[in-house]
Amino acid sequence: GDIVLLAKPVTLTEGDRVTLTTDVPVATDGTSKPEKLLYAVSLPPVHGQIEHINYPGVPISSYSQLDGVAQKVSGVGDNSHGAGKESLR
């Protein structure tokens, strides 16, 4: 089916960390198996990173919707370079 992704903006400053739960990005694909949905970070943030909570400091390029439900994924800000607004894909 069609995939629908709903996302809310998140503001981070240097050193801030936000847990990426299903309140921030959440997707549906019309099936009854949302636990099988995977998020791929194809364009990571330039001033910060997405990481697994159990492995801080190590950027990740994908995670599952179940990781979001379990609050195992975070976004970490590094605006030490004077970054303005940015987004990730």
PDB file of N, CA and C in Angstrom:
ATOM      1  N   GLY A   1       0.805  -1.189   0.000  1.00  0.00           N
ATOM      2  CA  GLY A   1       0.000   0.000   0.000  1.00  0.00           C
ATOM      3  C   GLY A   1       0.845   1.248   0.000  1.00  0.00           C
ATOM      4  N   ASP A   2       0.183   2.377  -0.036  1.00  0.00           N
ATOM      5  CA  ASP A   2       0.879   3.656   0.045  1.00  0.00           C
ATOM      6  C   ASP A   2       1.445   3.855   1.440  1.00  0.00           C
ATOM      7  N   ILE A   3       2.625   4.431   1.498  1.00  0.00           N
ATOM      8  CA  ILE A   3       3.244   4.735   2.780  1.00  0.00           C
ATOM      9  C   ILE A   3       2.962   6.184   3.121  1.00  0.00           C
ATOM     10  N   VAL A   4       2.497   6.418   4.340  1.00  0.00           N
ATOM     11  CA  VAL A   4       2.222   7.761   4.833  1.00  0.00           C
ATOM     12  C   VAL A   4       3.151   8.020   6.005  1.00  0.00           C
ATOM     13  N   LEU A   5       3.895   9.111   5.943  1.00  0.00           N
ATOM     14  CA  LEU A   5       4.817   9.479   7.013  1.00  0.00           C
ATOM     15  C   LEU A   5       4.405  10.822   7.571  1.00  0.00           C
ATOM     16  N   LEU A   6       4.177  10.870   8.866  1.00  0.00           N
ATOM     17  CA  LEU A   6       3.864  12.118   9.557  1.00  0.00           C
ATOM     18  C   LEU A   6       5.054  12.468  10.434  1.00  0.00           C
ATOM     19  N   ALA A   7       5.509  13.699  10.341  1.00  0.00           N
ATOM     20  CA  ALA A   7       6.668  14.115  11.130  1.00  0.00           C
ATOM     21  C   ALA A   7       6.425  15.493  11.719  1.00  0.00           C
ATOM     22  N   LYS A   8       6.970  15.711  12.899  1.00  0.00           N
ATOM     23  CA  LYS A   8       6.913  17.008  13.557  1.00  0.00           C
ATOM     24  C   LYS A   8       8.330  17.561  13.609  1.00  0.00           C
ATOM     25  N   PRO A   9       8.485  18.872  13.488  1.00  0.00           N
ATOM     26  CA  PRO A   9       9.829  19.437  13.598  1.00  0.00           C
ATOM     27  C   PRO A   9      10.367  19.311  15.029  1.00  0.00           C
ATOM     28  N   VAL A  10      11.663  19.158  15.141  1.00  0.00           N
ATOM     29  CA  VAL A  10      12.337  19.065  16.428  1.00  0.00           C
ATOM     30  C   VAL A  10      13.452  20.103  16.428  1.00  0.00           C
ATOM     31  N   THR A  11      13.571  20.854  17.483  1.00  0.00           N
ATOM     32  CA  THR A  11      14.622  21.853  17.601  1.00  0.00           C
ATOM     33  C   THR A  11      15.678  21.367  18.581  1.00  0.00           C
ATOM     34  N   LEU A  12      16.923  21.363  18.124  1.00  0.00           N
ATOM     35  CA  LEU A  12      18.044  20.955  18.964  1.00  0.00           C
ATOM     36  C   LEU A  12      19.109  22.030  18.942  1.00  0.00           C
ATOM     37  N   THR A  13      19.756  22.236  20.064  1.00  0.00           N
ATOM     38  CA  THR A  13      20.932  23.093  20.099  1.00  0.00           C
ATOM     39  C   THR A  13      22.122  22.216  20.461  1.00  0.00           C
ATOM     40  N   GLU A  14      23.298  22.796  20.457  1.00  0.00           N
ATOM     41  CA  GLU A  14      24.512  22.027  20.695  1.00  0.00           C
ATOM     42  C   GLU A  14      24.397  21.208  21.974  1.00  0.00           C
ATOM     43  N   GLY A  15      24.652  19.918  21.852  1.00  0.00           N
ATOM     44  CA  GLY A  15      24.626  19.017  22.991  1.00  0.00           C
ATOM     45  C   GLY A  15      23.252  18.504  23.370  1.00  0.00           C
ATOM     46  N   ASP A  16      22.178  19.070  22.807  1.00  0.00           N
ATOM     47  CA  ASP A  16      20.832  18.585  23.101  1.00  0.00           C
ATOM     48  C   ASP A  16      20.623  17.205  22.495  1.00  0.00           C
ATOM     49  N   ARG A  17      19.750  16.449  23.130  1.00  0.00           N
ATOM     50  CA  ARG A  17      19.387  15.118  22.651  1.00  0.00           C
ATOM     51  C   ARG A  17      17.878  14.999  22.742  1.00  0.00           C
ATOM     52  N   VAL A  18      17.265  14.452  21.711  1.00  0.00           N
ATOM     53  CA  VAL A  18      15.829  14.214  21.728  1.00  0.00           C
ATOM     54  C   VAL A  18      15.598  12.760  21.335  1.00  0.00           C
ATOM     55  N   THR A  19      14.717  12.094  22.066  1.00  0.00           N
ATOM     56  CA  THR A  19      14.369  10.720  21.738  1.00  0.00           C
ATOM     57  C   THR A  19      13.346  10.738  20.604  1.00  0.00           C
ATOM     58  N   LEU A  20      13.629   9.988  19.558  1.00  0.00           N
ATOM     59  CA  LEU A  20      12.724   9.917  18.410  1.00  0.00           C
ATOM     60  C   LEU A  20      11.714   8.806  18.659  1.00  0.00           C
ATOM     61  N   THR A  21      10.560   9.186  19.149  1.00  0.00           N
ATOM     62  CA  THR A  21       9.488   8.231  19.396  1.00  0.00           C
ATOM     63  C   THR A  21       8.521   8.298  18.226  1.00  0.00           C
ATOM     64  N   THR A  22       7.457   7.567  18.290  1.00  0.00           N
ATOM     65  CA  THR A  22       6.456   7.632  17.223  1.00  0.00           C
ATOM     66  C   THR A  22       5.649   8.922  17.291  1.00  0.00           C
ATOM     67  N   ASP A  23       5.939   9.807  18.254  1.00  0.00           N
ATOM     68  CA  ASP A  23       5.327  11.133  18.267  1.00  0.00           C
ATOM     69  C   ASP A  23       6.013  12.059  17.265  1.00  0.00           C
ATOM     70  N   VAL A  24       7.247  11.776  16.916  1.00  0.00           N
ATOM     71  CA  VAL A  24       7.993  12.638  15.993  1.00  0.00           C
ATOM     72  C   VAL A  24       7.821  12.109  14.576  1.00  0.00           C
ATOM     73  N   PRO A  25       8.477  11.004  14.170  1.00  0.00           N
ATOM     74  CA  PRO A  25       8.081  10.409  12.893  1.00  0.00           C
ATOM     75  C   PRO A  25       7.250   9.156  13.146  1.00  0.00           C
ATOM     76  N   VAL A  26       6.164   9.016  12.432  1.00  0.00           N
ATOM     77  CA  VAL A  26       5.369   7.799  12.484  1.00  0.00           C
ATOM     78  C   VAL A  26       4.885   7.512  11.071  1.00  0.00           C
ATOM     79  N   ALA A  27       4.935   6.247  10.705  1.00  0.00           N
ATOM     80  CA  ALA A  27       4.555   5.870   9.343  1.00  0.00           C
ATOM     81  C   ALA A  27       3.520   4.745   9.375  1.00  0.00           C
ATOM     82  N   THR A  28       2.717   4.702   8.333  1.00  0.00           N
ATOM     83  CA  THR A  28       1.797   3.586   8.116  1.00  0.00           C
ATOM     84  C   THR A  28       1.884   3.201   6.648  1.00  0.00           C
ATOM     85  N   ASP A  29       1.609   1.946   6.363  1.00  0.00           N
ATOM     86  CA  ASP A  29       1.640   1.504   4.972  1.00  0.00           C
ATOM     87  C   ASP A  29       0.390   0.741   4.573  1.00  0.00           C
ATOM     88  N   GLY A  30      -0.645   0.841   5.381  1.00  0.00           N
ATOM     89  CA  GLY A  30      -1.904   0.198   5.039  1.00  0.00           C
ATOM     90  C   GLY A  30      -1.975  -1.268   5.423  1.00  0.00           C
ATOM     91  N   THR A  31      -0.906  -1.818   5.966  1.00  0.00           N
ATOM     92  CA  THR A  31      -0.942  -3.206   6.418  1.00  0.00           C
ATOM     93  C   THR A  31      -1.184  -3.222   7.919  1.00  0.00           C
ATOM     94  N   SER A  32      -1.308  -4.383   8.465  1.00  0.00           N
ATOM     95  CA  SER A  32      -1.476  -4.495   9.915  1.00  0.00           C
ATOM     96  C   SER A  32      -0.147  -4.857  10.584  1.00  0.00           C
ATOM     97  N   LYS A  33       0.975  -4.528   9.942  1.00  0.00           N
ATOM     98  CA  LYS A  33       2.284  -4.870  10.486  1.00  0.00           C
ATOM     99  C   LYS A  33       3.206  -3.651  10.580  1.00  0.00           C
ATOM    100  N   PRO A  34       2.830  -2.649  11.389  1.00  0.00           N
ATOM    101  CA  PRO A  34       3.680  -1.461  11.493  1.00  0.00           C
ATOM    102  C   PRO A  34       5.055  -1.765  12.078  1.00  0.00           C
ATOM    103  N   GLU A  35       5.174  -2.882  12.815  1.00  0.00           N
ATOM    104  CA  GLU A  35       6.462  -3.247  13.407  1.00  0.00           C
ATOM    105  C   GLU A  35       7.504  -3.610  12.350  1.00  0.00           C
ATOM    106  N   LYS A  36       7.078  -3.851  11.130  1.00  0.00           N
ATOM    107  CA  LYS A  36       8.008  -4.213  10.053  1.00  0.00           C
ATOM    108  C   LYS A  36       8.513  -2.999   9.271  1.00  0.00           C
ATOM    109  N   LEU A  37       8.015  -1.815   9.603  1.00  0.00           N
ATOM    110  CA  LEU A  37       8.451  -0.608   8.896  1.00  0.00           C
ATOM    111  C   LEU A  37       9.858  -0.205   9.341  1.00  0.00           C
ATOM    112  N   LEU A  38      10.678   0.144   8.371  1.00  0.00           N
ATOM    113  CA  LEU A  38      12.042   0.591   8.642  1.00  0.00           C
ATOM    114  C   LEU A  38      12.216   2.019   8.143  1.00  0.00           C
ATOM    115  N   TYR A  39      12.925   2.814   8.901  1.00  0.00           N
ATOM    116  CA  TYR A  39      13.269   4.176   8.510  1.00  0.00           C
ATOM    117  C   TYR A  39      14.728   4.154   8.037  1.00  0.00           C
ATOM    118  N   ALA A  40      14.989   4.697   6.883  1.00  0.00           N
ATOM    119  CA  ALA A  40      16.348   4.836   6.363  1.00  0.00           C
ATOM    120  C   ALA A  40      16.688   6.312   6.343  1.00  0.00           C
ATOM    121  N   VAL A  41      17.790   6.672   6.954  1.00  0.00           N
ATOM    122  CA  VAL A  41      18.232   8.065   6.978  1.00  0.00           C
ATOM    123  C   VAL A  41      19.119   8.262   5.756  1.00  0.00           C
ATOM    124  N   SER A  42      18.534   8.779   4.681  1.00  0.00           N
ATOM    125  CA  SER A  42      19.281   8.934   3.432  1.00  0.00           C
ATOM    126  C   SER A  42      20.049  10.248   3.380  1.00  0.00           C
ATOM    127  N   LEU A  43      19.614  11.233   4.135  1.00  0.00           N
ATOM    128  CA  LEU A  43      20.305  12.521   4.198  1.00  0.00           C
ATOM    129  C   LEU A  43      20.376  12.915   5.672  1.00  0.00           C
ATOM    130  N   PRO A  44      21.456  12.515   6.360  1.00  0.00           N
ATOM    131  CA  PRO A  44      21.551  12.789   7.799  1.00  0.00           C
ATOM    132  C   PRO A  44      21.765  14.273   8.069  1.00  0.00           C
ATOM    133  N   PRO A  45      21.512  14.702   9.305  1.00  0.00           N
ATOM    134  CA  PRO A  45      21.764  16.103   9.641  1.00  0.00           C
ATOM    135  C   PRO A  45      23.259  16.402   9.541  1.00  0.00           C
ATOM    136  N   VAL A  46      23.587  17.601   9.086  1.00  0.00           N
ATOM    137  CA  VAL A  46      24.991  17.996   8.955  1.00  0.00           C
ATOM    138  C   VAL A  46      25.589  18.307  10.322  1.00  0.00           C
ATOM    139  N   HIS A  47      24.808  18.942  11.183  1.00  0.00           N
ATOM    140  CA  HIS A  47      25.298  19.359  12.495  1.00  0.00           C
ATOM    141  C   HIS A  47      24.602  18.548  13.584  1.00  0.00           C
ATOM    142  N   GLY A  48      24.936  17.289  13.645  1.00  0.00           N
ATOM    143  CA  GLY A  48      24.355  16.380  14.611  1.00  0.00           C
ATOM    144  C   GLY A  48      24.254  15.000  13.997  1.00  0.00           C
ATOM    145  N   GLN A  49      23.562  14.117  14.664  1.00  0.00           N
ATOM    146  CA  GLN A  49      23.417  12.763  14.143  1.00  0.00           C
ATOM    147  C   GLN A  49      22.239  12.061  14.776  1.00  0.00           C
ATOM    148  N   ILE A  50      21.843  10.967  14.142  1.00  0.00           N
ATOM    149  CA  ILE A  50      20.836  10.053  14.670  1.00  0.00           C
ATOM    150  C   ILE A  50      21.611   8.857  15.200  1.00  0.00           C
ATOM    151  N   GLU A  51      21.297   8.432  16.421  1.00  0.00           N
ATOM    152  CA  GLU A  51      22.036   7.318  17.017  1.00  0.00           C
ATOM    153  C   GLU A  51      21.122   6.433  17.848  1.00  0.00           C
ATOM    154  N   HIS A  52      21.555   5.191  18.050  1.00  0.00           N
ATOM    155  CA  HIS A  52      20.847   4.243  18.906  1.00  0.00           C
ATOM    156  C   HIS A  52      21.231   4.569  20.344  1.00  0.00           C
ATOM    157  N   ILE A  53      20.270   4.601  21.234  1.00  0.00           N
ATOM    158  CA  ILE A  53      20.538   4.995  22.619  1.00  0.00           C
ATOM    159  C   ILE A  53      21.569   4.089  23.284  1.00  0.00           C
ATOM    160  N   ASN A  54      21.605   2.813  22.920  1.00  0.00           N
ATOM    161  CA  ASN A  54      22.579   1.893  23.517  1.00  0.00           C
ATOM    162  C   ASN A  54      23.992   2.098  22.998  1.00  0.00           C
ATOM    163  N   TYR A  55      24.155   2.872  21.911  1.00  0.00           N
ATOM    164  CA  TYR A  55      25.469   3.114  21.310  1.00  0.00           C
ATOM    165  C   TYR A  55      25.659   4.613  21.071  1.00  0.00           C
ATOM    166  N   PRO A  56      25.728   5.401  22.147  1.00  0.00           N
ATOM    167  CA  PRO A  56      25.860   6.850  21.971  1.00  0.00           C
ATOM    168  C   PRO A  56      27.163   7.200  21.245  1.00  0.00           C
ATOM    169  N   GLY A  57      27.074   8.203  20.389  1.00  0.00           N
ATOM    170  CA  GLY A  57      28.245   8.645  19.648  1.00  0.00           C
ATOM    171  C   GLY A  57      28.444   7.943  18.326  1.00  0.00           C
ATOM    172  N   VAL A  58      27.672   6.888  18.076  1.00  0.00           N
ATOM    173  CA  VAL A  58      27.794   6.130  16.830  1.00  0.00           C
ATOM    174  C   VAL A  58      26.569   6.431  15.954  1.00  0.00           C
ATOM    175  N   PRO A  59      26.758   7.140  14.841  1.00  0.00           N
ATOM    176  CA  PRO A  59      25.607   7.456  13.989  1.00  0.00           C
ATOM    177  C   PRO A  59      25.032   6.203  13.335  1.00  0.00           C
ATOM    178  N   ILE A  60      23.714   6.211  13.141  1.00  0.00           N
ATOM    179  CA  ILE A  60      23.057   5.095  12.457  1.00  0.00           C
ATOM    180  C   ILE A  60      22.396   5.621  11.189  1.00  0.00           C
ATOM    181  N   SER A  61      22.191   4.725  10.238  1.00  0.00           N
ATOM    182  CA  SER A  61      21.568   5.124   8.977  1.00  0.00           C
ATOM    183  C   SER A  61      20.188   4.509   8.799  1.00  0.00           C
ATOM    184  N   SER A  62      19.756   3.676   9.749  1.00  0.00           N
ATOM    185  CA  SER A  62      18.408   3.115   9.684  1.00  0.00           C
ATOM    186  C   SER A  62      17.984   2.643  11.071  1.00  0.00           C
ATOM    187  N   TYR A  63      16.662   2.557  11.235  1.00  0.00           N
ATOM    188  CA  TYR A  63      16.106   2.009  12.463  1.00  0.00           C
ATOM    189  C   TYR A  63      14.671   1.588  12.182  1.00  0.00           C
ATOM    190  N   SER A  64      14.126   0.742  13.042  1.00  0.00           N
ATOM    191  CA  SER A  64      12.771   0.244  12.827  1.00  0.00           C
ATOM    192  C   SER A  64      11.758   1.088  13.601  1.00  0.00           C
ATOM    193  N   GLN A  65      10.508   0.978  13.193  1.00  0.00           N
ATOM    194  CA  GLN A  65       9.457   1.669  13.926  1.00  0.00           C
ATOM    195  C   GLN A  65       9.370   1.133  15.353  1.00  0.00           C
ATOM    196  N   LEU A  66       9.691  -0.144  15.539  1.00  0.00           N
ATOM    197  CA  LEU A  66       9.705  -0.700  16.899  1.00  0.00           C
ATOM    198  C   LEU A  66      10.775  -0.037  17.758  1.00  0.00           C
ATOM    199  N   ASP A  67      11.924   0.323  17.148  1.00  0.00           N
ATOM    200  CA  ASP A  67      12.947   1.067  17.894  1.00  0.00           C
ATOM    201  C   ASP A  67      12.381   2.390  18.383  1.00  0.00           C
ATOM    202  N   GLY A  68      11.572   3.052  17.548  1.00  0.00           N
ATOM    203  CA  GLY A  68      10.932   4.296  17.947  1.00  0.00           C
ATOM    204  C   GLY A  68       9.928   4.089  19.059  1.00  0.00           C
ATOM    205  N   VAL A  69       9.137   3.039  18.955  1.00  0.00           N
ATOM    206  CA  VAL A  69       8.151   2.727  19.997  1.00  0.00           C
ATOM    207  C   VAL A  69       8.859   2.453  21.319  1.00  0.00           C
ATOM    208  N   ALA A  70       9.990   1.745  21.255  1.00  0.00           N
ATOM    209  CA  ALA A  70      10.753   1.398  22.461  1.00  0.00           C
ATOM    210  C   ALA A  70      11.651   2.547  22.933  1.00  0.00           C
ATOM    211  N   GLN A  71      11.622   3.690  22.243  1.00  0.00           N
ATOM    212  CA  GLN A  71      12.424   4.866  22.583  1.00  0.00           C
ATOM    213  C   GLN A  71      13.914   4.551  22.615  1.00  0.00           C
ATOM    214  N   LYS A  72      14.395   3.890  21.566  1.00  0.00           N
ATOM    215  CA  LYS A  72      15.796   3.491  21.468  1.00  0.00           C
ATOM    216  C   LYS A  72      16.606   4.325  20.487  1.00  0.00           C
ATOM    217  N   VAL A  73      15.980   5.358  19.896  1.00  0.00           N
ATOM    218  CA  VAL A  73      16.659   6.162  18.886  1.00  0.00           C
ATOM    219  C   VAL A  73      16.637   7.619  19.327  1.00  0.00           C
ATOM    220  N   SER A  74      17.760   8.308  19.144  1.00  0.00           N
ATOM    221  CA  SER A  74      17.787   9.720  19.512  1.00  0.00           C
ATOM    222  C   SER A  74      18.468  10.546  18.435  1.00  0.00           C
ATOM    223  N   GLY A  75      18.123  11.805  18.425  1.00  0.00           N
ATOM    224  CA  GLY A  75      18.792  12.784  17.584  1.00  0.00           C
ATOM    225  C   GLY A  75      19.637  13.652  18.497  1.00  0.00           C
ATOM    226  N   VAL A  76      20.872  13.899  18.100  1.00  0.00           N
ATOM    227  CA  VAL A  76      21.796  14.681  18.917  1.00  0.00           C
ATOM    228  C   VAL A  76      22.217  15.896  18.116  1.00  0.00           C
ATOM    229  N   GLY A  77      22.107  17.076  18.718  1.00  0.00           N
ATOM    230  CA  GLY A  77      22.455  18.310  18.027  1.00  0.00           C
ATOM    231  C   GLY A  77      23.889  18.731  18.262  1.00  0.00           C
ATOM    232  N   ASP A  78      24.507  19.262  17.229  1.00  0.00           N
ATOM    233  CA  ASP A  78      25.845  19.834  17.323  1.00  0.00           C
ATOM    234  C   ASP A  78      25.844  21.103  16.486  1.00  0.00           C
ATOM    235  N   ASN A  79      25.399  22.181  17.069  1.00  0.00           N
ATOM    236  CA  ASN A  79      25.327  23.447  16.345  1.00  0.00           C
ATOM    237  C   ASN A  79      26.552  24.308  16.618  1.00  0.00           C
ATOM    238  N   SER A  80      27.662  23.673  16.965  1.00  0.00           N
ATOM    239  CA  SER A  80      28.861  24.440  17.288  1.00  0.00           C
ATOM    240  C   SER A  80      29.415  25.186  16.080  1.00  0.00           C
ATOM    241  N   HIS A  81      28.936  24.881  14.895  1.00  0.00           N
ATOM    242  CA  HIS A  81      29.425  25.530  13.690  1.00  0.00           C
ATOM    243  C   HIS A  81      28.495  26.645  13.231  1.00  0.00           C
ATOM    244  N   GLY A  82      27.609  27.086  14.108  1.00  0.00           N
ATOM    245  CA  GLY A  82      26.704  28.174  13.757  1.00  0.00           C
ATOM    246  C   GLY A  82      25.658  27.792  12.739  1.00  0.00           C
ATOM    247  N   ALA A  83      25.194  26.566  12.810  1.00  0.00           N
ATOM    248  CA  ALA A  83      24.224  26.083  11.832  1.00  0.00           C
ATOM    249  C   ALA A  83      22.872  26.762  12.031  1.00  0.00           C
ATOM    250  N   GLY A  84      22.202  26.996  10.934  1.00  0.00           N
ATOM    251  CA  GLY A  84      20.833  27.470  10.982  1.00  0.00           C
ATOM    252  C   GLY A  84      19.911  26.265  11.014  1.00  0.00           C
ATOM    253  N   LYS A  85      18.712  26.418  10.465  1.00  0.00           N
ATOM    254  CA  LYS A  85      17.784  25.299  10.406  1.00  0.00           C
ATOM    255  C   LYS A  85      18.274  24.275   9.407  1.00  0.00           C
ATOM    256  N   GLU A  86      18.063  23.019   9.725  1.00  0.00           N
ATOM    257  CA  GLU A  86      18.362  21.959   8.788  1.00  0.00           C
ATOM    258  C   GLU A  86      17.365  20.845   8.999  1.00  0.00           C
ATOM    259  N   SER A  87      17.342  19.927   8.094  1.00  0.00           N
ATOM    260  CA  SER A  87      16.438  18.793   8.213  1.00  0.00           C
ATOM    261  C   SER A  87      17.173  17.545   7.804  1.00  0.00           C
ATOM    262  N   LEU A  88      16.547  16.442   8.074  1.00  0.00           N
ATOM    263  CA  LEU A  88      17.109  15.165   7.640  1.00  0.00           C
ATOM    264  C   LEU A  88      16.055  14.442   6.857  1.00  0.00           C
ATOM    265  N   ARG A  89      16.498  13.513   6.059  1.00  0.00           N
ATOM    266  CA  ARG A  89      15.586  12.742   5.240  1.00  0.00           C
ATOM    267  C   ARG A  89      15.782  11.285   5.518  1.00  0.00           C
TER     268      ARG A  89
END
